[in-house]
C-alpha atoms as a PDB file:
ATOM      1  CA  MET A   1      32.314   1.071 -14.609  1.00  0.00           C
ATOM      2  CA  GLY A   2      30.635   3.307 -12.304  1.00  0.00           C
ATOM      3  CA  ALA A   3      29.522   6.422 -12.764  1.00  0.00           C
ATOM      4  CA  GLY A   4      26.993   7.754 -10.271  1.00  0.00           C
ATOM      5  CA  HIS A   5      29.037  10.578  -8.175  1.00  0.00           C
ATOM      6  CA  ASP A   6      27.348  13.481 -10.050  1.00  0.00           C
ATOM      7  CA  HIS A   7      24.055  11.738 -10.242  1.00  0.00           C
ATOM      8  CA  GLY A   8      23.867  10.793  -6.632  1.00  0.00           C
ATOM      9  CA  ALA A   9      24.650  14.888  -6.432  1.00  0.00           C
ATOM     10  CA  HIS A  10      21.825  15.426  -8.411  1.00  0.00           C
ATOM     11  CA  ALA A  11      19.456  13.229  -6.572  1.00  0.00           C
ATOM     12  CA  ALA A  12      20.440  14.934  -3.750  1.00  0.00           C
ATOM     13  CA  ARG A  13      19.119  18.437  -4.960  1.00  0.00           C
ATOM     14  CA  ALA A  14      16.110  17.061  -6.433  1.00  0.00           C
ATOM     15  CA  GLY A  15      15.354  14.976  -3.023  1.00  0.00           C
ATOM     16  CA  ASP A  16      15.660  18.401  -0.916  1.00  0.00           C
ATOM     17  CA  ARG A  17      13.022  20.271  -3.031  1.00  0.00           C
ATOM     18  CA  HIS A  18      10.832  17.255  -3.116  1.00  0.00           C
ATOM     19  CA  ARG A  19      10.959  17.163   0.750  1.00  0.00           C
ATOM     20  CA  GLY A  20      10.319  20.912   1.064  1.00  0.00           C
ATOM     21  CA  ARG A  21       7.055  20.050  -0.701  1.00  0.00           C
ATOM     22  CA  LEU A  22       6.201  17.053   1.150  1.00  0.00           C
ATOM     23  CA  VAL A  23       6.681  18.769   4.512  1.00  0.00           C
ATOM     24  CA  VAL A  24       4.084  21.549   3.364  1.00  0.00           C
ATOM     25  CA  THR A  25       1.839  19.112   1.948  1.00  0.00           C
ATOM     26  CA  VAL A  26       1.519  16.729   4.489  1.00  0.00           C
ATOM     27  CA  THR A  27       1.065  19.948   7.019  1.00  0.00           C
ATOM     28  CA  LEU A  28      -1.501  21.288   5.425  1.00  0.00           C
ATOM     29  CA  LEU A  29      -3.170  17.970   5.198  1.00  0.00           C
ATOM     30  CA  ALA A  30      -2.760  16.727   8.665  1.00  0.00           C
ATOM     31  CA  GLY A  31      -4.281  19.797  10.105  1.00  0.00           C
ATOM     32  CA  PHE A  32      -7.491  19.667   7.479  1.00  0.00           C
ATOM     33  CA  THR A  33      -7.811  16.023   8.376  1.00  0.00           C
ATOM     34  CA  LEU A  34      -8.885  16.594  12.540  1.00  0.00           C
ATOM     35  CA  VAL A  35     -11.403  19.564  10.604  1.00  0.00           C
ATOM     36  CA  GLU A  36     -12.840  16.869   7.932  1.00  0.00           C
ATOM     37  CA  ALA A  37     -13.235  13.581  10.088  1.00  0.00           C
ATOM     38  CA  ALA A  38     -14.805  15.854  13.293  1.00  0.00           C
ATOM     39  CA  ALA A  39     -17.337  17.303  10.250  1.00  0.00           C
ATOM     40  CA  ALA A  40     -17.878  14.053   9.320  1.00  0.00           C
ATOM     41  CA  LEU A  41     -19.014  12.811  12.345  1.00  0.00           C
ATOM     42  CA  TYR A  42     -21.057  15.570  12.997  1.00  0.00           C
ATOM     43  CA  SER A  43     -22.938  16.067   9.828  1.00  0.00           C
ATOM     44  CA  GLY A  44     -23.372  11.758   9.567  1.00  0.00           C
ATOM     45  CA  SER A  45     -21.972  12.129   6.030  1.00  0.00           C
ATOM     46  CA  LEU A  46     -20.338   9.186   4.132  1.00  0.00           C
ATOM     47  CA  ALA A  47     -18.646  10.753   1.391  1.00  0.00           C
ATOM     48  CA  LEU A  48     -17.162  13.094   4.149  1.00  0.00           C
ATOM     49  CA  LEU A  49     -15.945  10.452   6.354  1.00  0.00           C
ATOM     50  CA  SER A  50     -14.603   8.733   3.158  1.00  0.00           C
ATOM     51  CA  ASP A  51     -12.681  11.720   2.027  1.00  0.00           C
ATOM     52  CA  ALA A  52     -11.152  12.425   5.650  1.00  0.00           C
ATOM     53  CA  GLY A  53      -9.945   8.431   5.641  1.00  0.00           C
ATOM     54  CA  HIS A  54      -8.351   9.152   2.501  1.00  0.00           C
ATOM     55  CA  MET A  55      -6.738  12.240   3.512  1.00  0.00           C
ATOM     56  CA  PHE A  56      -5.761  10.594   6.642  1.00  0.00           C
ATOM     57  CA  THR A  57      -3.686   8.121   4.789  1.00  0.00           C
ATOM     58  CA  ASP A  58      -2.449  10.648   2.526  1.00  0.00           C
ATOM     59  CA  VAL A  59      -0.750  12.397   6.038  1.00  0.00           C
ATOM     60  CA  LEU A  60       0.218   8.342   6.848  1.00  0.00           C
ATOM     61  CA  GLY A  61       1.691   7.801   3.518  1.00  0.00           C
ATOM     62  CA  ILE A  62       3.636  11.046   3.360  1.00  0.00           C
ATOM     63  CA  GLY A  63       5.216  10.761   6.694  1.00  0.00           C
ATOM     64  CA  MET A  64       6.207   7.539   5.190  1.00  0.00           C
ATOM     65  CA  ALA A  65       7.775   9.079   2.332  1.00  0.00           C
ATOM     66  CA  LEU A  66       9.204  11.706   4.205  1.00  0.00           C
ATOM     67  CA  ALA A  67      10.874   9.860   6.774  1.00  0.00           C
ATOM     68  CA  ALA A  68      12.522   7.248   4.159  1.00  0.00           C
ATOM     69  CA  MET A  69      13.801  10.023   1.835  1.00  0.00           C
ATOM     70  CA  THR A  70      15.222  11.787   5.241  1.00  0.00           C
ATOM     71  CA  ALA A  71      17.109   8.048   5.803  1.00  0.00           C
ATOM     72  CA  ALA A  72      18.296   7.908   2.462  1.00  0.00           C
ATOM     73  CA  ARG A  73      19.822  11.183   2.517  1.00  0.00           C
ATOM     74  CA  ARG A  74      21.410  11.009   5.913  1.00  0.00           C
ATOM     75  CA  ALA A  75      22.557   7.387   4.551  1.00  0.00           C
ATOM     76  CA  ALA A  76      24.074   9.161   1.428  1.00  0.00           C
ATOM     77  CA  ARG A  77      26.218  11.150   3.580  1.00  0.00           C
ATOM     78  CA  PRO A  78      30.213  10.484   4.311  1.00  0.00           C
ATOM     79  CA  ASP A  79      29.461  10.162   8.209  1.00  0.00           C
ATOM     80  CA  GLY A  80      25.713   8.431   7.769  1.00  0.00           C
ATOM     81  CA  ALA A  81      27.032   5.544   5.351  1.00  0.00           C
ATOM     82  CA  ASP A  82      27.293   1.957   6.217  1.00  0.00           C
ATOM     83  CA  PRO A  83      29.555   0.023   4.617  1.00  0.00           C
ATOM     84  CA  GLN A  84      27.145  -2.968   4.507  1.00  0.00           C
ATOM     85  CA  ARG A  85      24.617  -1.126   2.589  1.00  0.00           C
ATOM     86  CA  THR A  86      26.759  -0.461  -0.620  1.00  0.00           C
ATOM     87  CA  PHE A  87      23.234   0.838  -2.523  1.00  0.00           C
ATOM     88  CA  GLY A  88      22.181   3.325   0.532  1.00  0.00           C
ATOM     89  CA  LEU A  89      18.636   3.355   1.527  1.00  0.00           C
ATOM     90  CA  TYR A  90      17.347   4.600  -1.612  1.00  0.00           C
ATOM     91  CA  ARG A  91      15.024   1.603  -1.717  1.00  0.00           C
ATOM     92  CA  LEU A  92      13.283   2.753   1.079  1.00  0.00           C
ATOM     93  CA  GLU A  93      11.304   5.399  -0.645  1.00  0.00           C
ATOM     94  CA  VAL A  94      10.044   2.376  -2.961  1.00  0.00           C
ATOM     95  CA  LEU A  95       9.069   0.347   0.496  1.00  0.00           C
ATOM     96  CA  ALA A  96       6.924   3.518   1.479  1.00  0.00           C
ATOM     97  CA  ALA A  97       5.094   4.018  -2.012  1.00  0.00           C
ATOM     98  CA  LEU A  98       4.182   0.118  -1.723  1.00  0.00           C
ATOM     99  CA  GLY A  99       2.989   0.458   1.827  1.00  0.00           C
ATOM    100  CA  ASN A 100       1.133   3.985   0.687  1.00  0.00           C
ATOM    101  CA  ALA A 101      -0.667   2.108  -1.643  1.00  0.00           C
ATOM    102  CA  VAL A 102      -1.741  -0.860   0.379  1.00  0.00           C
ATOM    103  CA  LEU A 103      -3.246   1.652   2.830  1.00  0.00           C
ATOM    104  CA  LEU A 104      -5.164   3.681   0.486  1.00  0.00           C
ATOM    105  CA  SER A 105      -6.443   0.293  -1.158  1.00  0.00           C
ATOM    106  CA  ALA A 106      -7.618  -0.376   2.415  1.00  0.00           C
ATOM    107  CA  VAL A 107      -9.543   2.587   2.824  1.00  0.00           C
ATOM    108  CA  ALA A 108     -11.251   2.287  -0.197  1.00  0.00           C
ATOM    109  CA  VAL A 109     -12.852  -1.213   0.246  1.00  0.00           C
ATOM    110  CA  TYR A 110     -14.012   0.079   3.265  1.00  0.00           C
ATOM    111  CA  VAL A 111     -15.766   2.687   2.034  1.00  0.00           C
ATOM    112  CA  LEU A 112     -17.412   0.724  -0.910  1.00  0.00           C
ATOM    113  CA  VAL A 113     -18.266  -1.607   1.555  1.00  0.00           C
ATOM    114  CA  GLU A 114     -19.695   0.756   3.864  1.00  0.00           C
ATOM    115  CA  ALA A 115     -21.553   2.859   0.978  1.00  0.00           C
ATOM    116  CA  VAL A 116     -23.088  -0.437   0.118  1.00  0.00           C
ATOM    117  CA  ARG A 117     -24.508  -1.219   3.227  1.00  0.00           C
ATOM    118  CA  ARG A 118     -26.068   2.384   3.363  1.00  0.00           C
ATOM    119  CA  LEU A 119     -28.019   2.222   0.163  1.00  0.00           C
ATOM    120  CA  GLY A 120     -30.541  -0.142   1.762  1.00  0.00           C
ATOM    121  CA  ASP A 121     -31.204   2.620   4.182  1.00  0.00           C
ATOM    122  CA  PRO A 122     -29.128   5.686   3.532  1.00  0.00           C
ATOM    123  CA  PRO A 123     -29.356   8.454   6.755  1.00  0.00           C
ATOM    124  CA  GLN A 124     -29.838  11.886   6.628  1.00  0.00           C
ATOM    125  CA  VAL A 125     -26.568  14.334   6.713  1.00  0.00           C
ATOM    126  CA  ARG A 126     -26.392  18.014   7.900  1.00  0.00           C
ATOM    127  CA  LEU A 127     -26.025  19.541   4.977  1.00  0.00           C
ATOM    128  CA  GLY A 128     -24.439  22.836   5.965  1.00  0.00           C
ATOM    129  CA  ALA A 129     -21.011  21.261   7.888  1.00  0.00           C
ATOM    130  CA  MET A 130     -21.065  19.116   4.883  1.00  0.00           C
ATOM    131  CA  LEU A 131     -20.910  21.631   2.323  1.00  0.00           C
ATOM    132  CA  VAL A 132     -18.567  24.327   4.160  1.00  0.00           C
ATOM    133  CA  VAL A 133     -16.158  21.562   4.858  1.00  0.00           C
ATOM    134  CA  ALA A 134     -16.551  20.177   1.339  1.00  0.00           C
ATOM    135  CA  VAL A 135     -15.271  23.503  -0.135  1.00  0.00           C
ATOM    136  CA  GLY A 136     -12.535  24.196   2.484  1.00  0.00           C
ATOM    137  CA  GLY A 137     -10.868  20.555   1.343  1.00  0.00           C
ATOM    138  CA  LEU A 138     -11.161  21.392  -2.228  1.00  0.00           C
ATOM    139  CA  LEU A 139      -9.120  24.554  -1.473  1.00  0.00           C
ATOM    140  CA  VAL A 140      -6.402  22.793   0.686  1.00  0.00           C
ATOM    141  CA  ASN A 141      -6.077  20.067  -1.666  1.00  0.00           C
ATOM    142  CA  LEU A 142      -5.818  22.145  -4.520  1.00  0.00           C
ATOM    143  CA  VAL A 143      -2.831  23.525  -2.873  1.00  0.00           C
ATOM    144  CA  ALA A 144      -1.285  20.268  -2.549  1.00  0.00           C
ATOM    145  CA  PHE A 145      -1.852  19.148  -6.005  1.00  0.00           C
ATOM    146  CA  LEU A 146      -0.241  22.435  -7.408  1.00  0.00           C
ATOM    147  CA  LEU A 147       3.075  22.005  -5.025  1.00  0.00           C
ATOM    148  CA  LEU A 148       3.255  18.252  -5.728  1.00  0.00           C
ATOM    149  CA  ARG A 149       2.255  18.360  -9.441  1.00  0.00           C
ATOM    150  CA  ALA A 150       6.004  19.929 -11.043  1.00  0.00           C
ATOM    151  CA  GLY A 151       8.068  16.632  -9.191  1.00  0.00           C
ATOM    152  CA  ALA A 152       5.666  13.903  -9.594  1.00  0.00           C
ATOM    153  CA  ARG A 153       6.955  12.138 -12.697  1.00  0.00           C
ATOM    154  CA  GLN A 154      10.491  12.320 -11.362  1.00  0.00           C
ATOM    155  CA  ASP A 155       9.962  10.769  -7.880  1.00  0.00           C
ATOM    156  CA  ILE A 156       7.472   7.450  -6.771  1.00  0.00           C
ATOM    157  CA  ASN A 157       7.195   8.679  -3.608  1.00  0.00           C
ATOM    158  CA  LEU A 158       5.807  12.594  -4.984  1.00  0.00           C
ATOM    159  CA  ARG A 159       3.799  10.409  -7.604  1.00  0.00           C
ATOM    160  CA  GLY A 160       1.893   8.447  -4.937  1.00  0.00           C
ATOM    161  CA  ALA A 161       1.360  11.850  -3.167  1.00  0.00           C
ATOM    162  CA  TYR A 162       0.006  13.252  -5.842  1.00  0.00           C
ATOM    163  CA  LEU A 163      -1.852  10.614  -6.889  1.00  0.00           C
ATOM    164  CA  GLU A 164      -3.557  10.649  -3.209  1.00  0.00           C
ATOM    165  CA  VAL A 165      -4.100  14.700  -3.091  1.00  0.00           C
ATOM    166  CA  LEU A 166      -6.125  14.273  -7.125  1.00  0.00           C
ATOM    167  CA  GLY A 167      -7.951  11.557  -5.292  1.00  0.00           C
ATOM    168  CA  ASP A 168      -9.004  13.787  -2.536  1.00  0.00           C
ATOM    169  CA  LEU A 169      -9.156  16.616  -5.331  1.00  0.00           C
ATOM    170  CA  VAL A 170     -12.183  14.303  -7.209  1.00  0.00           C
ATOM    171  CA  GLY A 171     -13.580  13.403  -3.650  1.00  0.00           C
ATOM    172  CA  SER A 172     -14.059  17.140  -2.106  1.00  0.00           C
ATOM    173  CA  VAL A 173     -15.693  18.108  -5.500  1.00  0.00           C
ATOM    174  CA  GLY A 174     -18.018  14.886  -5.246  1.00  0.00           C
ATOM    175  CA  VAL A 175     -18.677  15.651  -1.495  1.00  0.00           C
ATOM    176  CA  ILE A 176     -19.791  19.089  -2.938  1.00  0.00           C
ATOM    177  CA  VAL A 177     -21.818  17.872  -5.937  1.00  0.00           C
ATOM    178  CA  ALA A 178     -23.498  15.601  -3.195  1.00  0.00           C
ATOM    179  CA  ALA A 179     -24.491  18.231  -0.957  1.00  0.00           C
ATOM    180  CA  LEU A 180     -25.910  20.116  -3.520  1.00  0.00           C
ATOM    181  CA  VAL A 181     -27.889  17.667  -4.602  1.00  0.00           C
ATOM    182  CA  ILE A 182     -29.393  16.751  -1.568  1.00  0.00           C
ATOM    183  CA  ALA A 183     -29.908  20.240  -0.926  1.00  0.00           C
ATOM    184  CA  GLY A 184     -31.785  20.715  -4.143  1.00  0.00           C
ATOM    185  CA  THR A 185     -34.157  17.588  -4.462  1.00  0.00           C
ATOM    186  CA  GLY A 186     -33.522  15.740  -0.998  1.00  0.00           C
ATOM    187  CA  TRP A 187     -32.366  12.383  -2.415  1.00  0.00           C
ATOM    188  CA  TRP A 188     -29.897  11.051   0.130  1.00  0.00           C
ATOM    189  CA  TYR A 189     -28.723   8.272  -1.969  1.00  0.00           C
ATOM    190  CA  ALA A 190     -26.630  10.995  -3.137  1.00  0.00           C
ATOM    191  CA  ASP A 191     -24.004  10.733  -0.060  1.00  0.00           C
ATOM    192  CA  PRO A 192     -23.202   6.695  -0.686  1.00  0.00           C
ATOM    193  CA  LEU A 193     -23.307   6.974  -4.410  1.00  0.00           C
ATOM    194  CA  VAL A 194     -20.698   9.640  -3.919  1.00  0.00           C
ATOM    195  CA  ALA A 195     -18.763   7.913  -1.476  1.00  0.00           C
ATOM    196  CA  VAL A 196     -18.843   4.910  -4.235  1.00  0.00           C
ATOM    197  CA  ALA A 197     -17.654   7.008  -6.742  1.00  0.00           C
ATOM    198  CA  VAL A 198     -14.682   8.054  -4.920  1.00  0.00           C
ATOM    199  CA  GLY A 199     -13.772   4.589  -4.084  1.00  0.00           C
ATOM    200  CA  MET A 200     -13.876   3.405  -6.964  1.00  0.00           C
ATOM    201  CA  PHE A 201     -11.489   6.421  -8.574  1.00  0.00           C
ATOM    202  CA  ILE A 202      -8.857   5.672  -5.905  1.00  0.00           C
ATOM    203  CA  LEU A 203      -8.427   1.713  -6.725  1.00  0.00           C
ATOM    204  CA  PRO A 204      -7.166   1.883  -9.897  1.00  0.00           C
ATOM    205  CA  ARG A 205      -4.451   4.146  -9.023  1.00  0.00           C
ATOM    206  CA  THR A 206      -3.483   3.137  -5.842  1.00  0.00           C
ATOM    207  CA  TRP A 207      -3.107  -0.492  -7.648  1.00  0.00           C
ATOM    208  CA  ARG A 208      -0.938   1.208 -10.555  1.00  0.00           C
ATOM    209  CA  LEU A 209       1.449   3.176  -7.889  1.00  0.00           C
ATOM    210  CA  GLY A 210       1.804  -0.552  -6.133  1.00  0.00           C
ATOM    211  CA  ARG A 211       2.563  -2.086  -9.012  1.00  0.00           C
ATOM    212  CA  ALA A 212       5.182   0.523  -9.946  1.00  0.00           C
ATOM    213  CA  ALA A 213       6.712   0.171  -6.394  1.00  0.00           C
ATOM    214  CA  VAL A 214       6.803  -4.015  -7.024  1.00  0.00           C
ATOM    215  CA  ARG A 215       8.500  -3.849 -10.544  1.00  0.00           C
ATOM    216  CA  ILE A 216      11.084  -1.590  -8.853  1.00  0.00           C
ATOM    217  CA  LEU A 217      11.321  -4.393  -5.747  1.00  0.00           C
ATOM    218  CA  VAL A 218      11.388  -7.946  -8.122  1.00  0.00           C
ATOM    219  CA  GLN A 219      14.462  -5.647 -10.144  1.00  0.00           C
ATOM    220  CA  ALA A 220      12.691  -5.742 -13.559  1.00  0.00           C
ATOM    221  CA  ALA A 221      13.843  -3.776 -16.570  1.00  0.00           C
ATOM    222  CA  PRO A 222      12.264  -0.201 -16.437  1.00  0.00           C
ATOM    223  CA  GLU A 223       9.060  -0.033 -18.842  1.00  0.00           C
ATOM    224  CA  HIS A 224      10.592   2.506 -20.312  1.00  0.00           C
ATOM    225  CA  VAL A 225      14.143   0.677 -21.432  1.00  0.00           C
ATOM    226  CA  ASP A 226      13.941  -1.858 -24.254  1.00  0.00           C
ATOM    227  CA  VAL A 227      16.412  -4.534 -22.935  1.00  0.00           C
ATOM    228  CA  PRO A 228      16.990  -5.783 -26.812  1.00  0.00           C
ATOM    229  CA  ALA A 229      17.711  -2.466 -28.038  1.00  0.00           C
ATOM    230  CA  VAL A 230      20.420  -1.764 -24.930  1.00  0.00           C
ATOM    231  CA  ARG A 231      22.110  -5.068 -25.966  1.00  0.00           C
ATOM    232  CA  ALA A 232      22.065  -3.902 -29.207  1.00  0.00           C
ATOM    233  CA  ALA A 233      23.375  -0.571 -28.621  1.00  0.00           C
ATOM    234  CA  LEU A 234      26.500  -2.031 -26.345  1.00  0.00           C
ATOM    235  CA  ALA A 235      27.058  -4.692 -28.935  1.00  0.00           C
ATOM    236  CA  ALA A 236      27.624  -2.011 -31.919  1.00  0.00           C
ATOM    237  CA  VAL A 237      30.102  -0.227 -29.700  1.00  0.00           C
ATOM    238  CA  PRO A 238      33.563  -0.618 -31.946  1.00  0.00           C
ATOM    239  CA  GLY A 239      36.064  -3.703 -30.206  1.00  0.00           C
ATOM    240  CA  VAL A 240      32.766  -5.432 -28.817  1.00  0.00           C
ATOM    241  CA  CYS A 241      32.456  -9.112 -30.343  1.00  0.00           C
ATOM    242  CA  ASP A 242      29.626 -10.071 -27.731  1.00  0.00           C
ATOM    243  CA  VAL A 243      27.609  -8.835 -25.098  1.00  0.00           C
ATOM    244  CA  HIS A 244      26.034 -11.195 -22.436  1.00  0.00           C
ATOM    245  CA  ASP A 245      24.719 -11.384 -18.394  1.00  0.00           C
ATOM    246  CA  LEU A 246      22.735  -7.763 -19.503  1.00  0.00           C
ATOM    247  CA  HIS A 247      21.192  -6.771 -16.346  1.00  0.00           C
ATOM    248  CA  VAL A 248      19.092  -3.577 -16.351  1.00  0.00           C
ATOM    249  CA  TRP A 249      17.135  -2.629 -13.003  1.00  0.00           C
ATOM    250  CA  THR A 250      15.997   0.564 -11.238  1.00  0.00           C
ATOM    251  CA  LEU A 251      17.154   1.358  -8.024  1.00  0.00           C
ATOM    252  CA  ALA A 252      14.938   4.169  -6.515  1.00  0.00           C
ATOM    253  CA  SER A 253      13.003   6.623  -8.809  1.00  0.00           C
ATOM    254  CA  GLY A 254      14.956   8.246 -11.476  1.00  0.00           C
ATOM    255  CA  MET A 255      18.213   6.139 -11.031  1.00  0.00           C
ATOM    256  CA  ASP A 256      18.132   2.988 -13.440  1.00  0.00           C
ATOM    257  CA  VAL A 257      21.041   0.752 -13.525  1.00  0.00           C
ATOM    258  CA  ALA A 258      22.873  -1.579 -16.178  1.00  0.00           C
ATOM    259  CA  SER A 259      25.743  -4.430 -15.599  1.00  0.00           C
ATOM    260  CA  ALA A 260      26.699  -6.546 -18.408  1.00  0.00           C
ATOM    261  CA  HIS A 261      29.772  -8.509 -19.737  1.00  0.00           C
ATOM    262  CA  LEU A 262      31.524  -7.617 -23.028  1.00  0.00           C
ATOM    263  CA  THR A 263      33.733  -9.910 -24.817  1.00  0.00           C
ATOM    264  CA  LEU A 264      36.388  -7.689 -26.715  1.00  0.00           C
ATOM    265  CA  ASP A 265      38.136  -7.939 -29.756  1.00  0.00           C
ATOM    266  CA  PRO A 266      42.032  -8.603 -28.697  1.00  0.00           C
ATOM    267  CA  GLN A 267      43.036  -5.180 -30.508  1.00  0.00           C
ATOM    268  CA  ALA A 268      40.634  -3.054 -29.107  1.00  0.00           C
ATOM    269  CA  ASP A 269      41.552  -0.421 -26.453  1.00  0.00           C
ATOM    270  CA  ILE A 270      39.689  -1.457 -22.994  1.00  0.00           C
ATOM    271  CA  GLY A 271      39.402   2.041 -21.715  1.00  0.00           C
ATOM    272  CA  THR A 272      38.133   3.529 -25.504  1.00  0.00           C
ATOM    273  CA  VAL A 273      35.744   0.855 -25.447  1.00  0.00           C
ATOM    274  CA  LEU A 274      34.690   1.534 -21.738  1.00  0.00           C
ATOM    275  CA  ALA A 275      33.608   5.253 -22.879  1.00  0.00           C
ATOM    276  CA  ALA A 276      32.017   4.317 -25.727  1.00  0.00           C
ATOM    277  CA  ALA A 277      29.900   2.069 -24.252  1.00  0.00           C
ATOM    278  CA  ARG A 278      29.349   4.639 -21.450  1.00  0.00           C
ATOM    279  CA  VAL A 279      28.243   7.041 -23.816  1.00  0.00           C
ATOM    280  CA  ALA A 280      25.788   4.580 -25.544  1.00  0.00           C
ATOM    281  CA  LEU A 281      23.989   3.730 -22.363  1.00  0.00           C
ATOM    282  CA  HIS A 282      23.352   7.672 -21.551  1.00  0.00           C
ATOM    283  CA  GLU A 283      22.313   8.947 -24.837  1.00  0.00           C
ATOM    284  CA  GLY A 284      20.475   5.765 -25.641  1.00  0.00           C
ATOM    285  CA  PHE A 285      18.843   5.066 -22.239  1.00  0.00           C
ATOM    286  CA  HIS A 286      19.381   8.051 -19.767  1.00  0.00           C
ATOM    287  CA  ILE A 287      21.427   5.038 -18.051  1.00  0.00           C
ATOM    288  CA  ASP A 288      24.466   6.419 -16.430  1.00  0.00           C
ATOM    289  CA  HIS A 289      25.307   3.976 -13.514  1.00  0.00           C
ATOM    290  CA  ALA A 290      26.633   0.818 -14.858  1.00  0.00           C
ATOM    291  CA  THR A 291      29.129  -1.865 -14.335  1.00  0.00           C
ATOM    292  CA  LEU A 292      30.859  -3.463 -17.265  1.00  0.00           C
ATOM    293  CA  GLN A 293      33.038  -6.285 -16.786  1.00  0.00           C
ATOM    294  CA  VAL A 294      35.015  -6.912 -20.100  1.00  0.00           C
ATOM    295  CA  GLU A 295      36.512  -9.688 -20.794  1.00  0.00           C
ATOM    296  CA  PRO A 296      39.265 -11.151 -23.805  1.00  0.00           C
ATOM    297  CA  ALA A 297      38.067 -13.066 -26.778  1.00  0.00           C
ATOM    298  CA  THR A 298      39.336 -16.349 -27.529  1.00  0.00           C
ATOM    299  CA  ALA A 299      42.788 -17.040 -27.690  1.00  0.00           C
ATOM    300  CA  THR A 300      42.765 -17.464 -31.465  1.00  0.00           C
ATOM    301  CA  GLY A 301      40.712 -14.095 -31.748  1.00  0.00           C
ATOM    302  CA  ALA A 302      37.796 -15.431 -32.571  1.00  0.00           C
ATOM    303  CA  CYS A 303      34.722 -13.076 -32.267  1.00  0.00           C
ATOM    304  CA  GLU A 304      32.300 -15.858 -30.658  1.00  0.00           C
ATOM    305  CA  PRO A 305      29.535 -15.179 -28.626  1.00  0.00           C
ATOM    306  CA  ALA A 306      29.567 -16.368 -25.364  1.00  0.00           C
ATOM    307  CA  GLY A 307      28.231 -19.711 -24.025  1.00  0.00           C
ATOM    308  CA  TRP A 308      25.901 -18.655 -21.175  1.00  0.00           C
END
């Protein structure tokens, strides 16, 4: 039993909205990355450089997400579908999210290493350029944050971009604080220490994003779905004697999939059982795409569980 057509249309509409937000976001960030990188080199600020590096990975990561979403959208069209890709290219967005997490982790590690090196002899920085550009970065990231917040819970790529922009937002605040501390006290250690703080803020979030992407790629059951509860719900459908070979996994963001074998009582009506099973999966677990194989019970009519 497949029930993915309506869900696919809804996912396509949501994908168009997400793609529009990503286009605006990546345009803003790409433009400001150049400004921030130049200012970091001019001012000598490691905190500003770390923020520019993080923003650069944002641009790369969101660009990969856009490419993945566009490819998946094109493959979903009748004229672009490959009959060998029976699930389309939805997994590309998960691969893009994983690559995004790897890029962010690399930048965070670099910043931490460079910050530790500078703690021994922190160089002086040009505070004026550092402060002005940090304020500009705060405003740009605030706009991007508001653009992405609405869809971050629905799409793993939007969630990745949202986390990156959140990290940049915090990073910009940190750079502003460091500039003000240096201006007020002359304590130059504030610059590398803020860089360390930004790196430590980025790493746990990127690891969580990477973990979510890997979980999808290894086809583990979604964390919010209790597989024994799914089995019990299907077994409770009138006419079902046994449930076996049950699998639940995530195809892409918001697309949970299930397959199972149902052993039926000889008197059960197959159509009625399948309809009830579909309702149980939808209402109890929000699973709208399922493949259910029905099998007769033993010849004597006894409802015995399958051996495997």
